[in-house]
Amino acid sequence: MDEIVEAAQRHPAIAPLLVLGPHEQEFLAMNGRFSL
């Protein structure tokens, strides 16, 4: 869980994505709506 917190701190804009499951994250990534 610590790595998730660190990632959220480095990229505050993606913090809401952390509540999504991996499938939702993949879906958004495939659509290119978020560039990390």
C-alpha atoms as a PDB file:
ATOM      1  CA  MET A   1       0.000   0.000   0.000  1.00  0.00           C
ATOM      2  CA  ASP A   2       2.932   2.341   0.630  1.00  0.00           C
ATOM      3  CA  GLU A   3       3.958   2.322  -3.020  1.00  0.00           C
ATOM      4  CA  ILE A   4       0.450   3.461  -3.971  1.00  0.00           C
ATOM      5  CA  VAL A   5       0.664   6.357  -1.533  1.00  0.00           C
ATOM      6  CA  GLU A   6       4.074   7.337  -2.897  1.00  0.00           C
ATOM      7  CA  ALA A   7       2.787   7.199  -6.466  1.00  0.00           C
ATOM      8  CA  ALA A   8      -0.173   9.375  -5.512  1.00  0.00           C
ATOM      9  CA  GLN A   9       2.160  11.904  -3.935  1.00  0.00           C
ATOM     10  CA  ARG A  10       4.370  11.997  -7.044  1.00  0.00           C
ATOM     11  CA  HIS A  11       1.348  12.205  -9.367  1.00  0.00           C
ATOM     12  CA  PRO A  12      -1.493  13.885  -7.445  1.00  0.00           C
ATOM     13  CA  ALA A  13      -3.590  14.123 -10.600  1.00  0.00           C
ATOM     14  CA  ILE A  14      -3.897  10.324 -10.831  1.00  0.00           C
ATOM     15  CA  ALA A  15      -4.878   9.846  -7.197  1.00  0.00           C
ATOM     16  CA  PRO A  16      -8.562   9.288  -8.133  1.00  0.00           C
ATOM     17  CA  LEU A  17      -7.460   6.459 -10.441  1.00  0.00           C
ATOM     18  CA  LEU A  18      -6.138   4.520  -7.456  1.00  0.00           C
ATOM     19  CA  VAL A  19      -9.701   3.720  -6.386  1.00  0.00           C
ATOM     20  CA  LEU A  20     -10.308   2.049  -9.738  1.00  0.00           C
ATOM     21  CA  GLY A  21      -9.530  -1.576 -10.360  1.00  0.00           C
ATOM     22  CA  PRO A  22      -6.745  -2.622 -12.753  1.00  0.00           C
ATOM     23  CA  HIS A  23      -9.261  -3.254 -15.523  1.00  0.00           C
ATOM     24  CA  GLU A  24     -10.596   0.286 -15.339  1.00  0.00           C
ATOM     25  CA  GLN A  25      -7.046   1.640 -15.315  1.00  0.00           C
ATOM     26  CA  GLU A  26      -6.169  -0.434 -18.390  1.00  0.00           C
ATOM     27  CA  PHE A  27      -9.329   0.734 -20.129  1.00  0.00           C
ATOM     28  CA  LEU A  28      -8.483   4.396 -19.507  1.00  0.00           C
ATOM     29  CA  ALA A  29      -4.872   3.855 -20.550  1.00  0.00           C
ATOM     30  CA  MET A  30      -5.919   2.168 -23.790  1.00  0.00           C
ATOM     31  CA  ASN A  31      -8.161   5.115 -24.568  1.00  0.00           C
ATOM     32  CA  GLY A  32      -5.184   7.414 -24.050  1.00  0.00           C
ATOM     33  CA  ARG A  33      -7.169   9.727 -21.812  1.00  0.00           C
ATOM     34  CA  PHE A  34      -4.406   9.760 -19.207  1.00  0.00           C
ATOM     35  CA  SER A  35      -0.706  10.035 -19.863  1.00  0.00           C
ATOM     36  CA  LEU A  36       1.312   9.157 -16.786  1.00  0.00           C
END
